[in-house]
Amino acid sequence: MNVSLEQIIEWNPDVVLTCGVDNKTSIKVHEKLLNDKKWQSISAVIHNNIYTVPSSPYTWIDMPPSANQIIGLIWLSNILYPELFSFNMEEITKEFYQKFYHVSLNNKDITYILNGQLKEI
């Protein structure tokens, strides 16, 4: 669904979720929003509450439907309700990829994935 910047400004969200990289500029969308003057009045930008959704091998939140949406709910709970949830996302990510993809991740892989960067598994 496409939403105009004007609508986002009107909503003034406390949190913004982004994809990893703007394919046109190869700049992380998170950085792009923080530096774009048009976004400076939005609460999420003011408080640096912009999060890049992990997406390896598929997005944790959106399309296509995949098992990653299971871990996405846990990740999103930590982001939206930190006062209620404090999951150790490094451990959960490691366990999840082992169970669902039969892949053993090292700490570097986990950091890469949790930062929203694509990682071949």
PDB file of N, CA and C in Angstrom:
ATOM      1  N   MET A   1       0.844  -1.172   0.000  1.00  0.00           N
ATOM      2  CA  MET A   1       0.000   0.000   0.000  1.00  0.00           C
ATOM      3  C   MET A   1       0.890   1.236   0.000  1.00  0.00           C
ATOM      4  N   ASN A   2       0.636   2.123  -0.904  1.00  0.00           N
ATOM      5  CA  ASN A   2       1.386   3.371  -0.952  1.00  0.00           C
ATOM      6  C   ASN A   2       0.704   4.421  -0.084  1.00  0.00           C
ATOM      7  N   VAL A   3       1.501   5.124   0.685  1.00  0.00           N
ATOM      8  CA  VAL A   3       1.006   6.182   1.558  1.00  0.00           C
ATOM      9  C   VAL A   3       1.836   7.423   1.277  1.00  0.00           C
ATOM     10  N   SER A   4       1.178   8.550   1.188  1.00  0.00           N
ATOM     11  CA  SER A   4       1.894   9.795   0.903  1.00  0.00           C
ATOM     12  C   SER A   4       2.629  10.295   2.144  1.00  0.00           C
ATOM     13  N   LEU A   5       3.651  11.091   1.912  1.00  0.00           N
ATOM     14  CA  LEU A   5       4.385  11.701   3.025  1.00  0.00           C
ATOM     15  C   LEU A   5       3.452  12.594   3.831  1.00  0.00           C
ATOM     16  N   GLU A   6       2.552  13.268   3.163  1.00  0.00           N
ATOM     17  CA  GLU A   6       1.597  14.132   3.863  1.00  0.00           C
ATOM     18  C   GLU A   6       0.759  13.333   4.860  1.00  0.00           C
ATOM     19  N   GLN A   7       0.346  12.121   4.451  1.00  0.00           N
ATOM     20  CA  GLN A   7      -0.439  11.278   5.340  1.00  0.00           C
ATOM     21  C   GLN A   7       0.403  10.816   6.535  1.00  0.00           C
ATOM     22  N   ILE A   8       1.655  10.473   6.290  1.00  0.00           N
ATOM     23  CA  ILE A   8       2.542  10.053   7.382  1.00  0.00           C
ATOM     24  C   ILE A   8       2.760  11.205   8.353  1.00  0.00           C
ATOM     25  N   ILE A   9       2.944  12.404   7.823  1.00  0.00           N
ATOM     26  CA  ILE A   9       3.110  13.579   8.691  1.00  0.00           C
ATOM     27  C   ILE A   9       1.852  13.794   9.530  1.00  0.00           C
ATOM     28  N   GLU A  10       0.691  13.615   8.920  1.00  0.00           N
ATOM     29  CA  GLU A  10      -0.570  13.770   9.664  1.00  0.00           C
ATOM     30  C   GLU A  10      -0.701  12.708  10.756  1.00  0.00           C
ATOM     31  N   TRP A  11      -0.329  11.467  10.443  1.00  0.00           N
ATOM     32  CA  TRP A  11      -0.385  10.394  11.442  1.00  0.00           C
ATOM     33  C   TRP A  11       0.646  10.611  12.540  1.00  0.00           C
ATOM     34  N   ASN A  12       1.803  11.152  12.186  1.00  0.00           N
ATOM     35  CA  ASN A  12       2.904  11.401  13.118  1.00  0.00           C
ATOM     36  C   ASN A  12       3.234  10.160  13.961  1.00  0.00           C
ATOM     37  N   PRO A  13       3.644   9.070  13.317  1.00  0.00           N
ATOM     38  CA  PRO A  13       3.880   7.826  14.054  1.00  0.00           C
ATOM     39  C   PRO A  13       5.045   7.916  15.042  1.00  0.00           C
ATOM     40  N   ASP A  14       4.927   7.153  16.114  1.00  0.00           N
ATOM     41  CA  ASP A  14       5.999   7.058  17.111  1.00  0.00           C
ATOM     42  C   ASP A  14       7.097   6.110  16.658  1.00  0.00           C
ATOM     43  N   VAL A  15       6.753   5.179  15.761  1.00  0.00           N
ATOM     44  CA  VAL A  15       7.691   4.175  15.266  1.00  0.00           C
ATOM     45  C   VAL A  15       7.501   4.042  13.760  1.00  0.00           C
ATOM     46  N   VAL A  16       8.607   3.891  13.042  1.00  0.00           N
ATOM     47  CA  VAL A  16       8.562   3.620  11.608  1.00  0.00           C
ATOM     48  C   VAL A  16       9.391   2.369  11.346  1.00  0.00           C
ATOM     49  N   LEU A  17       8.805   1.433  10.583  1.00  0.00           N
ATOM     50  CA  LEU A  17       9.519   0.228  10.155  1.00  0.00           C
ATOM     51  C   LEU A  17       9.890   0.408   8.693  1.00  0.00           C
ATOM     52  N   THR A  18      11.137   0.085   8.358  1.00  0.00           N
ATOM     53  CA  THR A  18      11.590   0.255   6.982  1.00  0.00           C
ATOM     54  C   THR A  18      12.136  -1.054   6.435  1.00  0.00           C
ATOM     55  N   CYS A  19      12.272  -1.066   5.104  1.00  0.00           N
ATOM     56  CA  CYS A  19      12.998  -2.153   4.460  1.00  0.00           C
ATOM     57  C   CYS A  19      14.482  -1.801   4.558  1.00  0.00           C
ATOM     58  N   GLY A  20      15.343  -2.669   4.098  1.00  0.00           N
ATOM     59  CA  GLY A  20      16.779  -2.466   4.280  1.00  0.00           C
ATOM     60  C   GLY A  20      17.395  -1.320   3.518  1.00  0.00           C
ATOM     61  N   VAL A  21      17.315  -1.357   2.177  1.00  0.00           N
ATOM     62  CA  VAL A  21      18.056  -0.412   1.353  1.00  0.00           C
ATOM     63  C   VAL A  21      17.149   0.141   0.270  1.00  0.00           C
ATOM     64  N   ASP A  22      17.274   1.441   0.002  1.00  0.00           N
ATOM     65  CA  ASP A  22      16.589   2.063  -1.122  1.00  0.00           C
ATOM     66  C   ASP A  22      17.314   1.598  -2.381  1.00  0.00           C
ATOM     67  N   ASN A  23      16.645   0.810  -3.195  1.00  0.00           N
ATOM     68  CA  ASN A  23      17.302   0.227  -4.371  1.00  0.00           C
ATOM     69  C   ASN A  23      17.783   1.262  -5.374  1.00  0.00           C
ATOM     70  N   LYS A  24      17.188   2.454  -5.370  1.00  0.00           N
ATOM     71  CA  LYS A  24      17.601   3.496  -6.313  1.00  0.00           C
ATOM     72  C   LYS A  24      18.914   4.148  -5.892  1.00  0.00           C
ATOM     73  N   THR A  25      19.126   4.277  -4.586  1.00  0.00           N
ATOM     74  CA  THR A  25      20.300   4.997  -4.101  1.00  0.00           C
ATOM     75  C   THR A  25      21.301   4.123  -3.358  1.00  0.00           C
ATOM     76  N   SER A  26      20.913   2.903  -3.015  1.00  0.00           N
ATOM     77  CA  SER A  26      21.738   1.988  -2.217  1.00  0.00           C
ATOM     78  C   SER A  26      22.060   2.541  -0.829  1.00  0.00           C
ATOM     79  N   ILE A  27      21.248   3.480  -0.359  1.00  0.00           N
ATOM     80  CA  ILE A  27      21.407   4.037   0.985  1.00  0.00           C
ATOM     81  C   ILE A  27      20.395   3.358   1.892  1.00  0.00           C
ATOM     82  N   LYS A  28      20.816   3.012   3.108  1.00  0.00           N
ATOM     83  CA  LYS A  28      19.878   2.413   4.052  1.00  0.00           C
ATOM     84  C   LYS A  28      18.711   3.379   4.265  1.00  0.00           C
ATOM     85  N   VAL A  29      17.500   2.863   4.173  1.00  0.00           N
ATOM     86  CA  VAL A  29      16.304   3.691   4.294  1.00  0.00           C
ATOM     87  C   VAL A  29      16.275   4.402   5.642  1.00  0.00           C
ATOM     88  N   HIS A  30      16.710   3.724   6.692  1.00  0.00           N
ATOM     89  CA  HIS A  30      16.779   4.321   8.032  1.00  0.00           C
ATOM     90  C   HIS A  30      17.588   5.623   7.988  1.00  0.00           C
ATOM     91  N   GLU A  31      18.778   5.568   7.423  1.00  0.00           N
ATOM     92  CA  GLU A  31      19.650   6.750   7.331  1.00  0.00           C
ATOM     93  C   GLU A  31      19.029   7.829   6.455  1.00  0.00           C
ATOM     94  N   LYS A  32      18.394   7.391   5.379  1.00  0.00           N
ATOM     95  CA  LYS A  32      17.761   8.337   4.459  1.00  0.00           C
ATOM     96  C   LYS A  32      16.675   9.139   5.175  1.00  0.00           C
ATOM     97  N   LEU A  33      15.844   8.463   5.972  1.00  0.00           N
ATOM     98  CA  LEU A  33      14.778   9.158   6.684  1.00  0.00           C
ATOM     99  C   LEU A  33      15.325  10.111   7.741  1.00  0.00           C
ATOM    100  N   LEU A  34      16.347   9.691   8.447  1.00  0.00           N
ATOM    101  CA  LEU A  34      16.934  10.550   9.479  1.00  0.00           C
ATOM    102  C   LEU A  34      17.518  11.836   8.900  1.00  0.00           C
ATOM    103  N   ASN A  35      17.986  11.771   7.669  1.00  0.00           N
ATOM    104  CA  ASN A  35      18.640  12.925   7.053  1.00  0.00           C
ATOM    105  C   ASN A  35      17.748  13.718   6.106  1.00  0.00           C
ATOM    106  N   ASP A  36      16.536  13.263   5.877  1.00  0.00           N
ATOM    107  CA  ASP A  36      15.619  13.937   4.959  1.00  0.00           C
ATOM    108  C   ASP A  36      14.845  15.014   5.714  1.00  0.00           C
ATOM    109  N   LYS A  37      15.001  16.268   5.290  1.00  0.00           N
ATOM    110  CA  LYS A  37      14.352  17.396   5.970  1.00  0.00           C
ATOM    111  C   LYS A  37      12.831  17.272   5.992  1.00  0.00           C
ATOM    112  N   LYS A  38      12.263  16.588   5.015  1.00  0.00           N
ATOM    113  CA  LYS A  38      10.811  16.430   4.948  1.00  0.00           C
ATOM    114  C   LYS A  38      10.282  15.570   6.093  1.00  0.00           C
ATOM    115  N   TRP A  39      11.117  14.725   6.672  1.00  0.00           N
ATOM    116  CA  TRP A  39      10.706  13.808   7.736  1.00  0.00           C
ATOM    117  C   TRP A  39      11.027  14.337   9.138  1.00  0.00           C
ATOM    118  N   GLN A  40      11.653  15.482   9.247  1.00  0.00           N
ATOM    119  CA  GLN A  40      12.171  15.953  10.529  1.00  0.00           C
ATOM    120  C   GLN A  40      11.115  16.257  11.583  1.00  0.00           C
ATOM    121  N   SER A  41       9.872  16.485  11.191  1.00  0.00           N
ATOM    122  CA  SER A  41       8.829  16.795  12.181  1.00  0.00           C
ATOM    123  C   SER A  41       8.116  15.553  12.716  1.00  0.00           C
ATOM    124  N   ILE A  42       8.447  14.389  12.191  1.00  0.00           N
ATOM    125  CA  ILE A  42       7.772  13.153  12.577  1.00  0.00           C
ATOM    126  C   ILE A  42       8.383  12.600  13.863  1.00  0.00           C
ATOM    127  N   SER A  43       7.533  12.245  14.797  1.00  0.00           N
ATOM    128  CA  SER A  43       7.966  11.783  16.120  1.00  0.00           C
ATOM    129  C   SER A  43       8.988  10.649  16.039  1.00  0.00           C
ATOM    130  N   ALA A  44       8.753   9.669  15.185  1.00  0.00           N
ATOM    131  CA  ALA A  44       9.675   8.528  15.070  1.00  0.00           C
ATOM    132  C   ALA A  44      11.070   8.981  14.659  1.00  0.00           C
ATOM    133  N   VAL A  45      11.154   9.991  13.810  1.00  0.00           N
ATOM    134  CA  VAL A  45      12.455  10.508  13.370  1.00  0.00           C
ATOM    135  C   VAL A  45      13.089  11.331  14.480  1.00  0.00           C
ATOM    136  N   ILE A  46      12.308  12.163  15.112  1.00  0.00           N
ATOM    137  CA  ILE A  46      12.822  12.990  16.212  1.00  0.00           C
ATOM    138  C   ILE A  46      13.448  12.119  17.300  1.00  0.00           C
ATOM    139  N   HIS A  47      12.789  10.995  17.628  1.00  0.00           N
ATOM    140  CA  HIS A  47      13.259  10.121  18.707  1.00  0.00           C
ATOM    141  C   HIS A  47      14.073   8.928  18.205  1.00  0.00           C
ATOM    142  N   ASN A  48      14.421   8.938  16.921  1.00  0.00           N
ATOM    143  CA  ASN A  48      15.217   7.869  16.301  1.00  0.00           C
ATOM    144  C   ASN A  48      14.590   6.490  16.536  1.00  0.00           C
ATOM    145  N   ASN A  49      13.281   6.430  16.359  1.00  0.00           N
ATOM    146  CA  ASN A  49      12.556   5.170  16.483  1.00  0.00           C
ATOM    147  C   ASN A  49      12.224   4.635  15.093  1.00  0.00           C
ATOM    148  N   ILE A  50      13.257   4.469  14.300  1.00  0.00           N
ATOM    149  CA  ILE A  50      13.142   3.917  12.955  1.00  0.00           C
ATOM    150  C   ILE A  50      13.881   2.592  12.975  1.00  0.00           C
ATOM    151  N   TYR A  51      13.191   1.536  12.577  1.00  0.00           N
ATOM    152  CA  TYR A  51      13.765   0.200  12.657  1.00  0.00           C
ATOM    153  C   TYR A  51      13.724  -0.470  11.292  1.00  0.00           C
ATOM    154  N   THR A  52      14.810  -1.119  10.943  1.00  0.00           N
ATOM    155  CA  THR A  52      14.891  -1.866   9.699  1.00  0.00           C
ATOM    156  C   THR A  52      14.453  -3.297   9.979  1.00  0.00           C
ATOM    157  N   VAL A  53      13.436  -3.735   9.260  1.00  0.00           N
ATOM    158  CA  VAL A  53      12.884  -5.080   9.442  1.00  0.00           C
ATOM    159  C   VAL A  53      13.876  -6.107   8.907  1.00  0.00           C
ATOM    160  N   PRO A  54      14.271  -7.089   9.723  1.00  0.00           N
ATOM    161  CA  PRO A  54      15.122  -8.162   9.210  1.00  0.00           C
ATOM    162  C   PRO A  54      14.427  -8.862   8.036  1.00  0.00           C
ATOM    163  N   SER A  55      15.230  -9.326   7.082  1.00  0.00           N
ATOM    164  CA  SER A  55      14.614  -9.885   5.871  1.00  0.00           C
ATOM    165  C   SER A  55      15.434 -10.994   5.229  1.00  0.00           C
ATOM    166  N   SER A  56      16.059 -11.810   6.034  1.00  0.00           N
ATOM    167  CA  SER A  56      16.829 -12.922   5.462  1.00  0.00           C
ATOM    168  C   SER A  56      16.268 -14.246   5.937  1.00  0.00           C
ATOM    169  N   PRO A  57      15.940 -15.162   5.098  1.00  0.00           N
ATOM    170  CA  PRO A  57      15.928 -15.041   3.647  1.00  0.00           C
ATOM    171  C   PRO A  57      14.677 -14.352   3.129  1.00  0.00           C
ATOM    172  N   TYR A  58      13.674 -14.133   3.989  1.00  0.00           N
ATOM    173  CA  TYR A  58      12.468 -13.390   3.632  1.00  0.00           C
ATOM    174  C   TYR A  58      12.177 -12.411   4.756  1.00  0.00           C
ATOM    175  N   THR A  59      11.399 -11.389   4.425  1.00  0.00           N
ATOM    176  CA  THR A  59      11.079 -10.396   5.435  1.00  0.00           C
ATOM    177  C   THR A  59      10.402 -11.031   6.654  1.00  0.00           C
ATOM    178  N   TRP A  60      10.657 -10.461   7.810  1.00  0.00           N
ATOM    179  CA  TRP A  60      10.080 -10.981   9.053  1.00  0.00           C
ATOM    180  C   TRP A  60       8.668 -10.441   9.294  1.00  0.00           C
ATOM    181  N   ILE A  61       8.212  -9.491   8.494  1.00  0.00           N
ATOM    182  CA  ILE A  61       6.934  -8.846   8.748  1.00  0.00           C
ATOM    183  C   ILE A  61       5.963  -8.969   7.574  1.00  0.00           C
ATOM    184  N   ASP A  62       6.446  -8.825   6.372  1.00  0.00           N
ATOM    185  CA  ASP A  62       5.587  -8.631   5.212  1.00  0.00           C
ATOM    186  C   ASP A  62       5.593  -9.832   4.280  1.00  0.00           C
ATOM    187  N   MET A  63       5.501  -9.582   3.013  1.00  0.00           N
ATOM    188  CA  MET A  63       5.412 -10.613   1.988  1.00  0.00           C
ATOM    189  C   MET A  63       6.783 -11.124   1.593  1.00  0.00           C
ATOM    190  N   PRO A  64       6.919 -12.326   1.130  1.00  0.00           N
ATOM    191  CA  PRO A  64       5.864 -13.327   1.008  1.00  0.00           C
ATOM    192  C   PRO A  64       5.610 -13.975   2.358  1.00  0.00           C
ATOM    193  N   PRO A  65       4.431 -14.577   2.524  1.00  0.00           N
ATOM    194  CA  PRO A  65       4.173 -15.294   3.773  1.00  0.00           C
ATOM    195  C   PRO A  65       5.255 -16.362   3.976  1.00  0.00           C
ATOM    196  N   SER A  66       5.800 -16.414   5.165  1.00  0.00           N
ATOM    197  CA  SER A  66       6.845 -17.398   5.448  1.00  0.00           C
ATOM    198  C   SER A  66       6.936 -17.636   6.948  1.00  0.00           C
ATOM    199  N   ALA A  67       7.721 -18.620   7.305  1.00  0.00           N
ATOM    200  CA  ALA A  67       7.959 -18.916   8.722  1.00  0.00           C
ATOM    201  C   ALA A  67       8.614 -17.738   9.428  1.00  0.00           C
ATOM    202  N   ASN A  68       9.273 -16.876   8.685  1.00  0.00           N
ATOM    203  CA  ASN A  68       9.940 -15.729   9.301  1.00  0.00           C
ATOM    204  C   ASN A  68       8.966 -14.792  10.009  1.00  0.00           C
ATOM    205  N   GLN A  69       7.703 -14.844   9.646  1.00  0.00           N
ATOM    206  CA  GLN A  69       6.731 -13.991  10.323  1.00  0.00           C
ATOM    207  C   GLN A  69       6.531 -14.412  11.777  1.00  0.00           C
ATOM    208  N   ILE A  70       6.870 -15.636  12.097  1.00  0.00           N
ATOM    209  CA  ILE A  70       6.815 -16.092  13.493  1.00  0.00           C
ATOM    210  C   ILE A  70       7.838 -15.326  14.328  1.00  0.00           C
ATOM    211  N   ILE A  71       9.070 -15.313  13.873  1.00  0.00           N
ATOM    212  CA  ILE A  71      10.115 -14.587  14.606  1.00  0.00           C
ATOM    213  C   ILE A  71       9.884 -13.076  14.507  1.00  0.00           C
ATOM    214  N   GLY A  72       9.231 -12.655  13.419  1.00  0.00           N
ATOM    215  CA  GLY A  72       8.906 -11.241  13.255  1.00  0.00           C
ATOM    216  C   GLY A  72       7.991 -10.722  14.351  1.00  0.00           C
ATOM    217  N   LEU A  73       7.058 -11.542  14.793  1.00  0.00           N
ATOM    218  CA  LEU A  73       6.175 -11.134  15.887  1.00  0.00           C
ATOM    219  C   LEU A  73       6.951 -10.921  17.184  1.00  0.00           C
ATOM    220  N   ILE A  74       7.918 -11.774  17.421  1.00  0.00           N
ATOM    221  CA  ILE A  74       8.747 -11.641  18.626  1.00  0.00           C
ATOM    222  C   ILE A  74       9.595 -10.376  18.527  1.00  0.00           C
ATOM    223  N   TRP A  75      10.237 -10.176  17.376  1.00  0.00           N
ATOM    224  CA  TRP A  75      11.077  -8.992  17.144  1.00  0.00           C
ATOM    225  C   TRP A  75      10.249  -7.720  17.301  1.00  0.00           C
ATOM    226  N   LEU A  76       9.075  -7.700  16.687  1.00  0.00           N
ATOM    227  CA  LEU A  76       8.228  -6.512  16.737  1.00  0.00           C
ATOM    228  C   LEU A  76       7.712  -6.241  18.149  1.00  0.00           C
ATOM    229  N   SER A  77       7.440  -7.291  18.909  1.00  0.00           N
ATOM    230  CA  SER A  77       7.024  -7.122  20.309  1.00  0.00           C
ATOM    231  C   SER A  77       8.089  -6.370  21.103  1.00  0.00           C
ATOM    232  N   ASN A  78       9.338  -6.736  20.897  1.00  0.00           N
ATOM    233  CA  ASN A  78      10.455  -6.053  21.575  1.00  0.00           C
ATOM    234  C   ASN A  78      10.498  -4.572  21.209  1.00  0.00           C
ATOM    235  N   ILE A  79      10.229  -4.263  19.949  1.00  0.00           N
ATOM    236  CA  ILE A  79      10.317  -2.878  19.464  1.00  0.00           C
ATOM    237  C   ILE A  79       9.142  -2.039  19.971  1.00  0.00           C
ATOM    238  N   LEU A  80       7.932  -2.575  19.818  1.00  0.00           N
ATOM    239  CA  LEU A  80       6.747  -1.788  20.147  1.00  0.00           C
ATOM    240  C   LEU A  80       6.430  -1.734  21.635  1.00  0.00           C
ATOM    241  N   TYR A  81       6.779  -2.789  22.363  1.00  0.00           N
ATOM    242  CA  TYR A  81       6.430  -2.867  23.788  1.00  0.00           C
ATOM    243  C   TYR A  81       7.626  -3.293  24.636  1.00  0.00           C
ATOM    244  N   PRO A  82       8.692  -2.512  24.623  1.00  0.00           N
ATOM    245  CA  PRO A  82       9.894  -2.913  25.377  1.00  0.00           C
ATOM    246  C   PRO A  82       9.667  -3.018  26.880  1.00  0.00           C
ATOM    247  N   GLU A  83       8.657  -2.310  27.376  1.00  0.00           N
ATOM    248  CA  GLU A  83       8.358  -2.397  28.813  1.00  0.00           C
ATOM    249  C   GLU A  83       7.712  -3.732  29.176  1.00  0.00           C
ATOM    250  N   LEU A  84       7.174  -4.438  28.180  1.00  0.00           N
ATOM    251  CA  LEU A  84       6.532  -5.730  28.421  1.00  0.00           C
ATOM    252  C   LEU A  84       7.374  -6.922  27.973  1.00  0.00           C
ATOM    253  N   PHE A  85       8.181  -6.714  26.949  1.00  0.00           N
ATOM    254  CA  PHE A  85       8.943  -7.810  26.363  1.00  0.00           C
ATOM    255  C   PHE A  85      10.423  -7.472  26.325  1.00  0.00           C
ATOM    256  N   SER A  86      11.236  -8.422  26.669  1.00  0.00           N
ATOM    257  CA  SER A  86      12.692  -8.217  26.575  1.00  0.00           C
ATOM    258  C   SER A  86      13.335  -9.520  26.098  1.00  0.00           C
ATOM    259  N   PHE A  87      12.891  -9.968  24.933  1.00  0.00           N
ATOM    260  CA  PHE A  87      13.444 -11.191  24.360  1.00  0.00           C
ATOM    261  C   PHE A  87      14.889 -10.977  23.952  1.00  0.00           C
ATOM    262  N   ASN A  88      15.701 -11.997  24.120  1.00  0.00           N
ATOM    263  CA  ASN A  88      17.077 -11.970  23.645  1.00  0.00           C
ATOM    264  C   ASN A  88      17.048 -12.360  22.162  1.00  0.00           C
ATOM    265  N   MET A  89      17.008 -11.357  21.301  1.00  0.00           N
ATOM    266  CA  MET A  89      16.825 -11.618  19.877  1.00  0.00           C
ATOM    267  C   MET A  89      18.007 -12.361  19.260  1.00  0.00           C
ATOM    268  N   GLU A  90      19.192 -12.215  19.815  1.00  0.00           N
ATOM    269  CA  GLU A  90      20.342 -12.953  19.285  1.00  0.00           C
ATOM    270  C   GLU A  90      20.134 -14.459  19.483  1.00  0.00           C
ATOM    271  N   GLU A  91      19.746 -14.842  20.699  1.00  0.00           N
ATOM    272  CA  GLU A  91      19.520 -16.261  20.993  1.00  0.00           C
ATOM    273  C   GLU A  91      18.323 -16.814  20.224  1.00  0.00           C
ATOM    274  N   ILE A  92      17.248 -16.045  20.188  1.00  0.00           N
ATOM    275  CA  ILE A  92      16.047 -16.490  19.478  1.00  0.00           C
ATOM    276  C   ILE A  92      16.336 -16.646  17.989  1.00  0.00           C
ATOM    277  N   THR A  93      17.070 -15.709  17.423  1.00  0.00           N
ATOM    278  CA  THR A  93      17.423 -15.788  15.997  1.00  0.00           C
ATOM    279  C   THR A  93      18.257 -17.031  15.725  1.00  0.00           C
ATOM    280  N   LYS A  94      19.226 -17.273  16.580  1.00  0.00           N
ATOM    281  CA  LYS A  94      20.087 -18.454  16.422  1.00  0.00           C
ATOM    282  C   LYS A  94      19.253 -19.744  16.468  1.00  0.00           C
ATOM    283  N   GLU A  95      18.377 -19.851  17.453  1.00  0.00           N
ATOM    284  CA  GLU A  95      17.527 -21.038  17.588  1.00  0.00           C
ATOM    285  C   GLU A  95      16.561 -21.172  16.411  1.00  0.00           C
ATOM    286  N   PHE A  96      15.962 -20.064  16.017  1.00  0.00           N
ATOM    287  CA  PHE A  96      14.987 -20.074  14.930  1.00  0.00           C
ATOM    288  C   PHE A  96      15.617 -20.559  13.621  1.00  0.00           C
ATOM    289  N   TYR A  97      16.760 -20.015  13.265  1.00  0.00           N
ATOM    290  CA  TYR A  97      17.403 -20.405  12.003  1.00  0.00           C
ATOM    291  C   TYR A  97      17.878 -21.862  12.048  1.00  0.00           C
ATOM    292  N   GLN A  98      18.252 -22.329  13.219  1.00  0.00           N
ATOM    293  CA  GLN A  98      18.634 -23.733  13.349  1.00  0.00           C
ATOM    294  C   GLN A  98      17.420 -24.633  13.155  1.00  0.00           C
ATOM    295  N   LYS A  99      16.307 -24.302  13.794  1.00  0.00           N
ATOM    296  CA  LYS A  99      15.106 -25.141  13.711  1.00  0.00           C
ATOM    297  C   LYS A  99      14.428 -25.080  12.344  1.00  0.00           C
ATOM    298  N   PHE A 100      14.293 -23.881  11.788  1.00  0.00           N
ATOM    299  CA  PHE A 100      13.523 -23.731  10.567  1.00  0.00           C
ATOM    300  C   PHE A 100      14.346 -23.860   9.287  1.00  0.00           C
ATOM    301  N   TYR A 101      15.611 -23.495   9.346  1.00  0.00           N
ATOM    302  CA  TYR A 101      16.442 -23.525   8.139  1.00  0.00           C
ATOM    303  C   TYR A 101      17.630 -24.485   8.237  1.00  0.00           C
ATOM    304  N   HIS A 102      17.793 -25.113   9.396  1.00  0.00           N
ATOM    305  CA  HIS A 102      18.901 -26.045   9.628  1.00  0.00           C
ATOM    306  C   HIS A 102      20.242 -25.392   9.324  1.00  0.00           C
ATOM    307  N   VAL A 103      20.363 -24.148   9.793  1.00  0.00           N
ATOM    308  CA  VAL A 103      21.572 -23.359   9.585  1.00  0.00           C
ATOM    309  C   VAL A 103      22.082 -22.895  10.943  1.00  0.00           C
ATOM    310  N   SER A 104      23.373 -23.079  11.173  1.00  0.00           N
ATOM    311  CA  SER A 104      23.999 -22.576  12.393  1.00  0.00           C
ATOM    312  C   SER A 104      24.595 -21.210  12.103  1.00  0.00           C
ATOM    313  N   LEU A 105      24.061 -20.205  12.772  1.00  0.00           N
ATOM    314  CA  LEU A 105      24.546 -18.838  12.566  1.00  0.00           C
ATOM    315  C   LEU A 105      25.619 -18.498  13.591  1.00  0.00           C
ATOM    316  N   ASN A 106      26.625 -17.757  13.156  1.00  0.00           N
ATOM    317  CA  ASN A 106      27.600 -17.228  14.101  1.00  0.00           C
ATOM    318  C   ASN A 106      27.147 -15.825  14.524  1.00  0.00           C
ATOM    319  N   ASN A 107      27.843 -15.238  15.475  1.00  0.00           N
ATOM    320  CA  ASN A 107      27.450 -13.925  16.006  1.00  0.00           C
ATOM    321  C   ASN A 107      27.434 -12.844  14.924  1.00  0.00           C
ATOM    322  N   LYS A 108      28.371 -12.913  14.002  1.00  0.00           N
ATOM    323  CA  LYS A 108      28.427 -11.930  12.917  1.00  0.00           C
ATOM    324  C   LYS A 108      27.188 -12.053  12.028  1.00  0.00           C
ATOM    325  N   ASP A 109      26.788 -13.286  11.707  1.00  0.00           N
ATOM    326  CA  ASP A 109      25.589 -13.520  10.896  1.00  0.00           C
ATOM    327  C   ASP A 109      24.349 -12.960  11.599  1.00  0.00           C
ATOM    328  N   ILE A 110      24.245 -13.213  12.882  1.00  0.00           N
ATOM    329  CA  ILE A 110      23.085 -12.759  13.650  1.00  0.00           C
ATOM    330  C   ILE A 110      23.008 -11.242  13.661  1.00  0.00           C
ATOM    331  N   THR A 111      24.121 -10.590  13.899  1.00  0.00           N
ATOM    332  CA  THR A 111      24.158  -9.128  13.889  1.00  0.00           C
ATOM    333  C   THR A 111      23.753  -8.598  12.526  1.00  0.00           C
ATOM    334  N   TYR A 112      24.260  -9.204  11.484  1.00  0.00           N
ATOM    335  CA  TYR A 112      23.957  -8.808  10.113  1.00  0.00           C
ATOM    336  C   TYR A 112      22.449  -8.908   9.867  1.00  0.00           C
ATOM    337  N   ILE A 113      21.851 -10.019  10.233  1.00  0.00           N
ATOM    338  CA  ILE A 113      20.417 -10.243  10.026  1.00  0.00           C
ATOM    339  C   ILE A 113      19.590  -9.259  10.850  1.00  0.00           C
ATOM    340  N   LEU A 114      19.925  -9.103  12.129  1.00  0.00           N
ATOM    341  CA  LEU A 114      19.143  -8.210  12.987  1.00  0.00           C
ATOM    342  C   LEU A 114      19.276  -6.748  12.607  1.00  0.00           C
ATOM    343  N   ASN A 115      20.311  -6.391  11.869  1.00  0.00           N
ATOM    344  CA  ASN A 115      20.466  -5.024  11.366  1.00  0.00           C
ATOM    345  C   ASN A 115      19.723  -4.813  10.050  1.00  0.00           C
ATOM    346  N   GLY A 116      18.990  -5.838   9.614  1.00  0.00           N
ATOM    347  CA  GLY A 116      18.184  -5.696   8.414  1.00  0.00           C
ATOM    348  C   GLY A 116      18.944  -5.865   7.119  1.00  0.00           C
ATOM    349  N   GLN A 117      20.133  -6.436   7.201  1.00  0.00           N
ATOM    350  CA  GLN A 117      20.908  -6.653   5.998  1.00  0.00           C
ATOM    351  C   GLN A 117      20.623  -8.055   5.475  1.00  0.00           C
ATOM    352  N   LEU A 118      20.644  -8.194   4.167  1.00  0.00           N
ATOM    353  CA  LEU A 118      20.396  -9.505   3.563  1.00  0.00           C
ATOM    354  C   LEU A 118      21.565 -10.424   3.809  1.00  0.00           C
ATOM    355  N   LYS A 119      21.258 -11.655   4.108  1.00  0.00           N
ATOM    356  CA  LYS A 119      22.275 -12.657   4.383  1.00  0.00           C
ATOM    357  C   LYS A 119      21.867 -13.956   3.728  1.00  0.00           C
ATOM    358  N   GLU A 120      22.731 -14.487   2.874  1.00  0.00           N
ATOM    359  CA  GLU A 120      22.440 -15.784   2.291  1.00  0.00           C
ATOM    360  C   GLU A 120      22.592 -16.851   3.362  1.00  0.00           C
ATOM    361  N   ILE A 121      21.610 -17.746   3.398  1.00  0.00           N
ATOM    362  CA  ILE A 121      21.709 -18.827   4.370  1.00  0.00           C
ATOM    363  C   ILE A 121      21.688 -20.162   3.661  1.00  0.00           C
TER     364      ILE A 121
END
